[in-house]
Amino acid sequence: MSRMSRDRDRDSRDRFQQGAPVKATQTSGKGIEFVDYKNTETLRRMMTPNGKIYGRKRLGTNARQQRMVARAIKRARFLGLLPFTSATL
């Protein structure tokens, strides 16, 4: 094995050993039933500091729940409850 591939393997191993990312949502056994666009504190935890929406793997949601989260965040942005970018945070 070459030195470059060993370094690449070590880097990827180190990245995963830092620990799994914290799940942003707290779901019950049934999961998320409704995401309210007016609950800005919860929605803010589902976004990066730059304003991007976290992915399903990070949030721990299924596809249907992720669509509800994205729709709620986009509604809150449109109504001015959440910023579009980090420049307005």
PDB file of N, CA and C in Angstrom:
ATOM      1  N   MET A   1       0.853  -1.170   0.000  1.00  0.00           N
ATOM      2  CA  MET A   1       0.000   0.000   0.000  1.00  0.00           C
ATOM      3  C   MET A   1       0.899   1.233   0.000  1.00  0.00           C
ATOM      4  N   SER A   2       0.553   2.215  -0.798  1.00  0.00           N
ATOM      5  CA  SER A   2       1.377   3.406  -0.903  1.00  0.00           C
ATOM      6  C   SER A   2       1.121   4.326   0.287  1.00  0.00           C
ATOM      7  N   ARG A   3       2.010   5.253   0.449  1.00  0.00           N
ATOM      8  CA  ARG A   3       1.922   6.169   1.578  1.00  0.00           C
ATOM      9  C   ARG A   3       0.681   7.066   1.462  1.00  0.00           C
ATOM     10  N   MET A   4       0.357   7.480   0.248  1.00  0.00           N
ATOM     11  CA  MET A   4      -0.800   8.356   0.047  1.00  0.00           C
ATOM     12  C   MET A   4      -2.099   7.669   0.463  1.00  0.00           C
ATOM     13  N   SER A   5      -2.264   6.403   0.088  1.00  0.00           N
ATOM     14  CA  SER A   5      -3.503   5.718   0.430  1.00  0.00           C
ATOM     15  C   SER A   5      -3.584   5.458   1.939  1.00  0.00           C
ATOM     16  N   ARG A   6      -2.427   5.212   2.587  1.00  0.00           N
ATOM     17  CA  ARG A   6      -2.437   5.035   4.040  1.00  0.00           C
ATOM     18  C   ARG A   6      -2.852   6.314   4.741  1.00  0.00           C
ATOM     19  N   ASP A   7      -2.337   7.452   4.280  1.00  0.00           N
ATOM     20  CA  ASP A   7      -2.715   8.732   4.889  1.00  0.00           C
ATOM     21  C   ASP A   7      -4.196   9.021   4.691  1.00  0.00           C
ATOM     22  N   ARG A   8      -4.707   8.701   3.522  1.00  0.00           N
ATOM     23  CA  ARG A   8      -6.124   8.925   3.246  1.00  0.00           C
ATOM     24  C   ARG A   8      -6.974   8.049   4.157  1.00  0.00           C
ATOM     25  N   ASP A   9      -6.582   6.786   4.354  1.00  0.00           N
ATOM     26  CA  ASP A   9      -7.330   5.890   5.235  1.00  0.00           C
ATOM     27  C   ASP A   9      -7.302   6.398   6.671  1.00  0.00           C
ATOM     28  N   ARG A  10      -6.160   6.884   7.102  1.00  0.00           N
ATOM     29  CA  ARG A  10      -6.024   7.380   8.469  1.00  0.00           C
ATOM     30  C   ARG A  10      -6.899   8.619   8.668  1.00  0.00           C
ATOM     31  N   ASP A  11      -6.924   9.510   7.673  1.00  0.00           N
ATOM     32  CA  ASP A  11      -7.739  10.720   7.791  1.00  0.00           C
ATOM     33  C   ASP A  11      -9.220  10.382   7.902  1.00  0.00           C
ATOM     34  N   SER A  12      -9.680   9.441   7.086  1.00  0.00           N
ATOM     35  CA  SER A  12     -11.098   9.089   7.130  1.00  0.00           C
ATOM     36  C   SER A  12     -11.436   8.391   8.444  1.00  0.00           C
ATOM     37  N   ARG A  13     -10.517   7.582   8.963  1.00  0.00           N
ATOM     38  CA  ARG A  13     -10.740   6.917  10.246  1.00  0.00           C
ATOM     39  C   ARG A  13     -10.824   7.949  11.362  1.00  0.00           C
ATOM     40  N   ASP A  14      -9.926   8.929  11.363  1.00  0.00           N
ATOM     41  CA  ASP A  14      -9.928   9.947  12.405  1.00  0.00           C
ATOM     42  C   ASP A  14     -11.220  10.759  12.384  1.00  0.00           C
ATOM     43  N   ARG A  15     -11.711  11.035  11.192  1.00  0.00           N
ATOM     44  CA  ARG A  15     -12.924  11.824  11.062  1.00  0.00           C
ATOM     45  C   ARG A  15     -14.102  11.094  11.682  1.00  0.00           C
ATOM     46  N   PHE A  16     -14.189   9.780  11.514  1.00  0.00           N
ATOM     47  CA  PHE A  16     -15.310   9.033  12.040  1.00  0.00           C
ATOM     48  C   PHE A  16     -15.147   8.726  13.531  1.00  0.00           C
ATOM     49  N   GLN A  17     -13.941   8.747  14.047  1.00  0.00           N
ATOM     50  CA  GLN A  17     -13.737   8.458  15.458  1.00  0.00           C
ATOM     51  C   GLN A  17     -14.036   9.660  16.339  1.00  0.00           C
ATOM     52  N   GLN A  18     -14.267  10.827  15.754  1.00  0.00           N
ATOM     53  CA  GLN A  18     -14.588  12.003  16.542  1.00  0.00           C
ATOM     54  C   GLN A  18     -15.957  11.872  17.192  1.00  0.00           C
ATOM     55  N   GLY A  19     -16.784  10.996  16.692  1.00  0.00           N
ATOM     56  CA  GLY A  19     -18.105  10.789  17.250  1.00  0.00           C
ATOM     57  C   GLY A  19     -19.165  11.143  16.245  1.00  0.00           C
ATOM     58  N   ALA A  20     -20.306  10.538  16.428  1.00  0.00           N
ATOM     59  CA  ALA A  20     -21.414  10.789  15.514  1.00  0.00           C
ATOM     60  C   ALA A  20     -21.969  12.183  15.774  1.00  0.00           C
ATOM     61  N   PRO A  21     -22.472  12.848  14.734  1.00  0.00           N
ATOM     62  CA  PRO A  21     -23.064  14.167  14.951  1.00  0.00           C
ATOM     63  C   PRO A  21     -24.326  14.053  15.800  1.00  0.00           C
ATOM     64  N   VAL A  22     -24.570  15.069  16.572  1.00  0.00           N
ATOM     65  CA  VAL A  22     -25.722  15.078  17.455  1.00  0.00           C
ATOM     66  C   VAL A  22     -26.979  15.237  16.616  1.00  0.00           C
ATOM     67  N   LYS A  23     -27.991  14.454  16.910  1.00  0.00           N
ATOM     68  CA  LYS A  23     -29.249  14.550  16.189  1.00  0.00           C
ATOM     69  C   LYS A  23     -29.952  15.846  16.595  1.00  0.00           C
ATOM     70  N   ALA A  24     -30.410  16.570  15.617  1.00  0.00           N
ATOM     71  CA  ALA A  24     -31.009  17.871  15.892  1.00  0.00           C
ATOM     72  C   ALA A  24     -32.461  17.769  16.323  1.00  0.00           C
ATOM     73  N   THR A  25     -33.128  16.673  15.995  1.00  0.00           N
ATOM     74  CA  THR A  25     -34.530  16.546  16.360  1.00  0.00           C
ATOM     75  C   THR A  25     -34.688  15.519  17.464  1.00  0.00           C
ATOM     76  N   GLN A  26     -35.683  15.729  18.256  1.00  0.00           N
ATOM     77  CA  GLN A  26     -36.025  14.757  19.287  1.00  0.00           C
ATOM     78  C   GLN A  26     -37.385  14.195  18.908  1.00  0.00           C
ATOM     79  N   THR A  27     -37.382  12.981  18.391  1.00  0.00           N
ATOM     80  CA  THR A  27     -38.633  12.408  17.921  1.00  0.00           C
ATOM     81  C   THR A  27     -39.120  11.366  18.904  1.00  0.00           C
ATOM     82  N   SER A  28     -40.418  11.203  18.932  1.00  0.00           N
ATOM     83  CA  SER A  28     -40.994  10.155  19.765  1.00  0.00           C
ATOM     84  C   SER A  28     -40.876   8.836  19.017  1.00  0.00           C
ATOM     85  N   GLY A  29     -41.435   7.798  19.552  1.00  0.00           N
ATOM     86  CA  GLY A  29     -41.389   6.504  18.884  1.00  0.00           C
ATOM     87  C   GLY A  29     -42.089   6.524  17.536  1.00  0.00           C
ATOM     88  N   LYS A  30     -43.100   7.361  17.413  1.00  0.00           N
ATOM     89  CA  LYS A  30     -43.831   7.474  16.158  1.00  0.00           C
ATOM     90  C   LYS A  30     -43.154   8.431  15.188  1.00  0.00           C
ATOM     91  N   GLY A  31     -42.240   9.263  15.668  1.00  0.00           N
ATOM     92  CA  GLY A  31     -41.573  10.219  14.798  1.00  0.00           C
ATOM     93  C   GLY A  31     -42.256  11.569  14.814  1.00  0.00           C
ATOM     94  N   ILE A  32     -41.836  12.425  13.930  1.00  0.00           N
ATOM     95  CA  ILE A  32     -42.402  13.764  13.846  1.00  0.00           C
ATOM     96  C   ILE A  32     -43.763  13.678  13.164  1.00  0.00           C
ATOM     97  N   GLU A  33     -44.761  14.241  13.796  1.00  0.00           N
ATOM     98  CA  GLU A  33     -46.077  14.225  13.180  1.00  0.00           C
ATOM     99  C   GLU A  33     -46.365  15.535  12.478  1.00  0.00           C
ATOM    100  N   PHE A  34     -45.821  16.647  13.007  1.00  0.00           N
ATOM    101  CA  PHE A  34     -46.061  17.952  12.408  1.00  0.00           C
ATOM    102  C   PHE A  34     -44.911  18.867  12.778  1.00  0.00           C
ATOM    103  N   VAL A  35     -44.446  19.641  11.824  1.00  0.00           N
ATOM    104  CA  VAL A  35     -43.388  20.626  12.084  1.00  0.00           C
ATOM    105  C   VAL A  35     -44.005  21.997  11.909  1.00  0.00           C
ATOM    106  N   ASP A  36     -43.977  22.781  12.992  1.00  0.00           N
ATOM    107  CA  ASP A  36     -44.612  24.092  12.966  1.00  0.00           C
ATOM    108  C   ASP A  36     -43.614  25.132  12.496  1.00  0.00           C
ATOM    109  N   TYR A  37     -43.972  25.913  11.489  1.00  0.00           N
ATOM    110  CA  TYR A  37     -43.062  26.919  10.954  1.00  0.00           C
ATOM    111  C   TYR A  37     -42.885  28.089  11.913  1.00  0.00           C
ATOM    112  N   LYS A  38     -43.777  28.221  12.902  1.00  0.00           N
ATOM    113  CA  LYS A  38     -43.676  29.322  13.860  1.00  0.00           C
ATOM    114  C   LYS A  38     -42.722  29.009  15.016  1.00  0.00           C
ATOM    115  N   ASN A  39     -42.328  27.761  15.153  1.00  0.00           N
ATOM    116  CA  ASN A  39     -41.407  27.355  16.215  1.00  0.00           C
ATOM    117  C   ASN A  39     -39.985  27.562  15.722  1.00  0.00           C
ATOM    118  N   THR A  40     -39.509  28.797  15.752  1.00  0.00           N
ATOM    119  CA  THR A  40     -38.233  29.145  15.121  1.00  0.00           C
ATOM    120  C   THR A  40     -37.029  28.564  15.857  1.00  0.00           C
ATOM    121  N   GLU A  41     -37.119  28.386  17.160  1.00  0.00           N
ATOM    122  CA  GLU A  41     -35.965  27.842  17.895  1.00  0.00           C
ATOM    123  C   GLU A  41     -35.680  26.401  17.473  1.00  0.00           C
ATOM    124  N   THR A  42     -36.716  25.613  17.295  1.00  0.00           N
ATOM    125  CA  THR A  42     -36.529  24.234  16.833  1.00  0.00           C
ATOM    126  C   THR A  42     -36.013  24.218  15.410  1.00  0.00           C
ATOM    127  N   LEU A  43     -36.577  25.054  14.566  1.00  0.00           N
ATOM    128  CA  LEU A  43     -36.143  25.101  13.169  1.00  0.00           C
ATOM    129  C   LEU A  43     -34.707  25.596  13.045  1.00  0.00           C
ATOM    130  N   ARG A  44     -34.310  26.505  13.917  1.00  0.00           N
ATOM    131  CA  ARG A  44     -32.943  27.041  13.877  1.00  0.00           C
ATOM    132  C   ARG A  44     -31.917  25.945  14.192  1.00  0.00           C
ATOM    133  N   ARG A  45     -32.295  24.992  15.044  1.00  0.00           N
ATOM    134  CA  ARG A  45     -31.391  23.875  15.349  1.00  0.00           C
ATOM    135  C   ARG A  45     -31.269  22.901  14.188  1.00  0.00           C
ATOM    136  N   MET A  46     -32.199  22.969  13.242  1.00  0.00           N
ATOM    137  CA  MET A  46     -32.172  22.091  12.079  1.00  0.00           C
ATOM    138  C   MET A  46     -31.413  22.702  10.910  1.00  0.00           C
ATOM    139  N   MET A  47     -30.761  23.845  11.163  1.00  0.00           N
ATOM    140  CA  MET A  47     -30.008  24.542  10.129  1.00  0.00           C
ATOM    141  C   MET A  47     -28.564  24.739  10.580  1.00  0.00           C
ATOM    142  N   THR A  48     -27.661  24.839   9.605  1.00  0.00           N
ATOM    143  CA  THR A  48     -26.270  25.147   9.908  1.00  0.00           C
ATOM    144  C   THR A  48     -26.175  26.619  10.300  1.00  0.00           C
ATOM    145  N   PRO A  49     -25.068  27.038  10.886  1.00  0.00           N
ATOM    146  CA  PRO A  49     -24.898  28.467  11.185  1.00  0.00           C
ATOM    147  C   PRO A  49     -24.951  29.356   9.940  1.00  0.00           C
ATOM    148  N   ASN A  50     -24.651  28.776   8.778  1.00  0.00           N
ATOM    149  CA  ASN A  50     -24.713  29.546   7.540  1.00  0.00           C
ATOM    150  C   ASN A  50     -26.116  29.612   6.960  1.00  0.00           C
ATOM    151  N   GLY A  51     -27.047  28.840   7.483  1.00  0.00           N
ATOM    152  CA  GLY A  51     -28.428  28.900   7.020  1.00  0.00           C
ATOM    153  C   GLY A  51     -28.860  27.725   6.169  1.00  0.00           C
ATOM    154  N   LYS A  52     -27.988  26.743   5.968  1.00  0.00           N
ATOM    155  CA  LYS A  52     -28.380  25.568   5.182  1.00  0.00           C
ATOM    156  C   LYS A  52     -29.186  24.603   6.056  1.00  0.00           C
ATOM    157  N   ILE A  53     -30.063  23.845   5.406  1.00  0.00           N
ATOM    158  CA  ILE A  53     -30.860  22.845   6.113  1.00  0.00           C
ATOM    159  C   ILE A  53     -30.031  21.569   6.233  1.00  0.00           C
ATOM    160  N   TYR A  54     -29.947  21.037   7.459  1.00  0.00           N
ATOM    161  CA  TYR A  54     -29.212  19.793   7.658  1.00  0.00           C
ATOM    162  C   TYR A  54     -29.881  18.646   6.900  1.00  0.00           C
ATOM    163  N   GLY A  55     -29.096  17.649   6.542  1.00  0.00           N
ATOM    164  CA  GLY A  55     -29.598  16.490   5.823  1.00  0.00           C
ATOM    165  C   GLY A  55     -30.301  15.505   6.740  1.00  0.00           C
ATOM    166  N   ARG A  56     -30.887  14.507   6.113  1.00  0.00           N
ATOM    167  CA  ARG A  56     -31.644  13.496   6.857  1.00  0.00           C
ATOM    168  C   ARG A  56     -30.784  12.721   7.826  1.00  0.00           C
ATOM    169  N   LYS A  57     -29.578  12.424   7.436  1.00  0.00           N
ATOM    170  CA  LYS A  57     -28.695  11.627   8.293  1.00  0.00           C
ATOM    171  C   LYS A  57     -28.375  12.381   9.578  1.00  0.00           C
ATOM    172  N   ARG A  58     -28.153  13.658   9.470  1.00  0.00           N
ATOM    173  CA  ARG A  58     -27.832  14.475  10.637  1.00  0.00           C
ATOM    174  C   ARG A  58     -29.060  14.682  11.525  1.00  0.00           C
ATOM    175  N   LEU A  59     -30.214  14.897  10.900  1.00  0.00           N
ATOM    176  CA  LEU A  59     -31.428  15.164  11.671  1.00  0.00           C
ATOM    177  C   LEU A  59     -32.074  13.906  12.214  1.00  0.00           C
ATOM    178  N   GLY A  60     -31.805  12.765  11.571  1.00  0.00           N
ATOM    179  CA  GLY A  60     -32.416  11.526  12.023  1.00  0.00           C
ATOM    180  C   GLY A  60     -33.874  11.411  11.617  1.00  0.00           C
ATOM    181  N   THR A  61     -34.219  11.991  10.482  1.00  0.00           N
ATOM    182  CA  THR A  61     -35.593  11.945  10.003  1.00  0.00           C
ATOM    183  C   THR A  61     -35.700  11.025   8.800  1.00  0.00           C
ATOM    184  N   ASN A  62     -36.925  10.619   8.497  1.00  0.00           N
ATOM    185  CA  ASN A  62     -37.130   9.865   7.258  1.00  0.00           C
ATOM    186  C   ASN A  62     -37.467  10.868   6.149  1.00  0.00           C
ATOM    187  N   ALA A  63     -37.727  10.392   4.948  1.00  0.00           N
ATOM    188  CA  ALA A  63     -37.918  11.279   3.805  1.00  0.00           C
ATOM    189  C   ALA A  63     -39.139  12.183   3.979  1.00  0.00           C
ATOM    190  N   ARG A  64     -40.219  11.630   4.485  1.00  0.00           N
ATOM    191  CA  ARG A  64     -41.440  12.417   4.663  1.00  0.00           C
ATOM    192  C   ARG A  64     -41.230  13.511   5.701  1.00  0.00           C
ATOM    193  N   GLN A  65     -40.597  13.170   6.802  1.00  0.00           N
ATOM    194  CA  GLN A  65     -40.335  14.145   7.849  1.00  0.00           C
ATOM    195  C   GLN A  65     -39.382  15.225   7.360  1.00  0.00           C
ATOM    196  N   GLN A  66     -38.381  14.835   6.555  1.00  0.00           N
ATOM    197  CA  GLN A  66     -37.426  15.806   6.037  1.00  0.00           C
ATOM    198  C   GLN A  66     -38.112  16.807   5.116  1.00  0.00           C
ATOM    199  N   ARG A  67     -39.075  16.341   4.337  1.00  0.00           N
ATOM    200  CA  ARG A  67     -39.833  17.259   3.481  1.00  0.00           C
ATOM    201  C   ARG A  67     -40.637  18.240   4.327  1.00  0.00           C
ATOM    202  N   MET A  68     -41.211  17.759   5.435  1.00  0.00           N
ATOM    203  CA  MET A  68     -41.955  18.654   6.328  1.00  0.00           C
ATOM    204  C   MET A  68     -41.037  19.691   6.956  1.00  0.00           C
ATOM    205  N   VAL A  69     -39.834  19.262   7.366  1.00  0.00           N
ATOM    206  CA  VAL A  69     -38.864  20.184   7.960  1.00  0.00           C
ATOM    207  C   VAL A  69     -38.460  21.240   6.941  1.00  0.00           C
ATOM    208  N   ALA A  70     -38.138  20.813   5.727  1.00  0.00           N
ATOM    209  CA  ALA A  70     -37.714  21.754   4.691  1.00  0.00           C
ATOM    210  C   ALA A  70     -38.833  22.737   4.361  1.00  0.00           C
ATOM    211  N   ARG A  71     -40.056  22.248   4.262  1.00  0.00           N
ATOM    212  CA  ARG A  71     -41.191  23.117   3.952  1.00  0.00           C
ATOM    213  C   ARG A  71     -41.392  24.148   5.057  1.00  0.00           C
ATOM    214  N   ALA A  72     -41.278  23.720   6.326  1.00  0.00           N
ATOM    215  CA  ALA A  72     -41.466  24.637   7.454  1.00  0.00           C
ATOM    216  C   ALA A  72     -40.366  25.693   7.486  1.00  0.00           C
ATOM    217  N   ILE A  73     -39.125  25.300   7.230  1.00  0.00           N
ATOM    218  CA  ILE A  73     -38.024  26.263   7.233  1.00  0.00           C
ATOM    219  C   ILE A  73     -38.202  27.270   6.100  1.00  0.00           C
ATOM    220  N   LYS A  74     -38.596  26.792   4.935  1.00  0.00           N
ATOM    221  CA  LYS A  74     -38.785  27.700   3.798  1.00  0.00           C
ATOM    222  C   LYS A  74     -39.945  28.665   4.040  1.00  0.00           C
ATOM    223  N   ARG A  75     -41.011  28.197   4.690  1.00  0.00           N
ATOM    224  CA  ARG A  75     -42.120  29.096   5.032  1.00  0.00           C
ATOM    225  C   ARG A  75     -41.672  30.152   6.030  1.00  0.00           C
ATOM    226  N   ALA A  76     -40.917  29.716   7.039  1.00  0.00           N
ATOM    227  CA  ALA A  76     -40.440  30.661   8.057  1.00  0.00           C
ATOM    228  C   ALA A  76     -39.496  31.690   7.439  1.00  0.00           C
ATOM    229  N   ARG A  77     -38.686  31.279   6.493  1.00  0.00           N
ATOM    230  CA  ARG A  77     -37.809  32.226   5.800  1.00  0.00           C
ATOM    231  C   ARG A  77     -38.627  33.240   5.019  1.00  0.00           C
ATOM    232  N   PHE A  78     -39.641  32.763   4.308  1.00  0.00           N
ATOM    233  CA  PHE A  78     -40.464  33.643   3.487  1.00  0.00           C
ATOM    234  C   PHE A  78     -41.193  34.675   4.339  1.00  0.00           C
ATOM    235  N   LEU A  79     -41.645  34.278   5.519  1.00  0.00           N
ATOM    236  CA  LEU A  79     -42.367  35.190   6.409  1.00  0.00           C
ATOM    237  C   LEU A  79     -41.426  36.067   7.232  1.00  0.00           C
ATOM    238  N   GLY A  80     -40.123  35.840   7.116  1.00  0.00           N
ATOM    239  CA  GLY A  80     -39.166  36.669   7.831  1.00  0.00           C
ATOM    240  C   GLY A  80     -38.871  36.210   9.249  1.00  0.00           C
ATOM    241  N   LEU A  81     -39.278  35.003   9.602  1.00  0.00           N
ATOM    242  CA  LEU A  81     -39.014  34.485  10.941  1.00  0.00           C
ATOM    243  C   LEU A  81     -37.605  33.913  11.055  1.00  0.00           C
ATOM    244  N   LEU A  82     -37.062  33.428   9.940  1.00  0.00           N
ATOM    245  CA  LEU A  82     -35.709  32.882   9.878  1.00  0.00           C
ATOM    246  C   LEU A  82     -34.937  33.581   8.773  1.00  0.00           C
ATOM    247  N   PRO A  83     -33.623  33.719   8.939  1.00  0.00           N
ATOM    248  CA  PRO A  83     -32.828  34.349   7.890  1.00  0.00           C
ATOM    249  C   PRO A  83     -32.535  33.368   6.754  1.00  0.00           C
ATOM    250  N   PHE A  84     -32.291  33.913   5.574  1.00  0.00           N
ATOM    251  CA  PHE A  84     -31.907  33.092   4.436  1.00  0.00           C
ATOM    252  C   PHE A  84     -30.421  32.739   4.501  1.00  0.00           C
ATOM    253  N   THR A  85     -29.583  33.657   4.969  1.00  0.00           N
ATOM    254  CA  THR A  85     -28.136  33.440   5.028  1.00  0.00           C
ATOM    255  C   THR A  85     -27.600  33.837   6.383  1.00  0.00           C
ATOM    256  N   SER A  86     -26.322  33.530   6.611  1.00  0.00           N
ATOM    257  CA  SER A  86     -25.697  33.869   7.886  1.00  0.00           C
ATOM    258  C   SER A  86     -25.415  35.364   8.002  1.00  0.00           C
ATOM    259  N   ALA A  87     -25.422  36.082   6.885  1.00  0.00           N
ATOM    260  CA  ALA A  87     -25.150  37.511   6.923  1.00  0.00           C
ATOM    261  C   ALA A  87     -26.225  38.258   7.721  1.00  0.00           C
ATOM    262  N   THR A  88     -27.397  37.652   7.818  1.00  0.00           N
ATOM    263  CA  THR A  88     -28.486  38.306   8.540  1.00  0.00           C
ATOM    264  C   THR A  88     -28.746  37.670   9.894  1.00  0.00           C
ATOM    265  N   LEU A  89     -27.869  36.775  10.357  1.00  0.00           N
ATOM    266  CA  LEU A  89     -28.075  36.151  11.675  1.00  0.00           C
ATOM    267  C   LEU A  89     -27.781  37.086  12.770  1.00  0.00           C
TER     268      LEU A  89
END
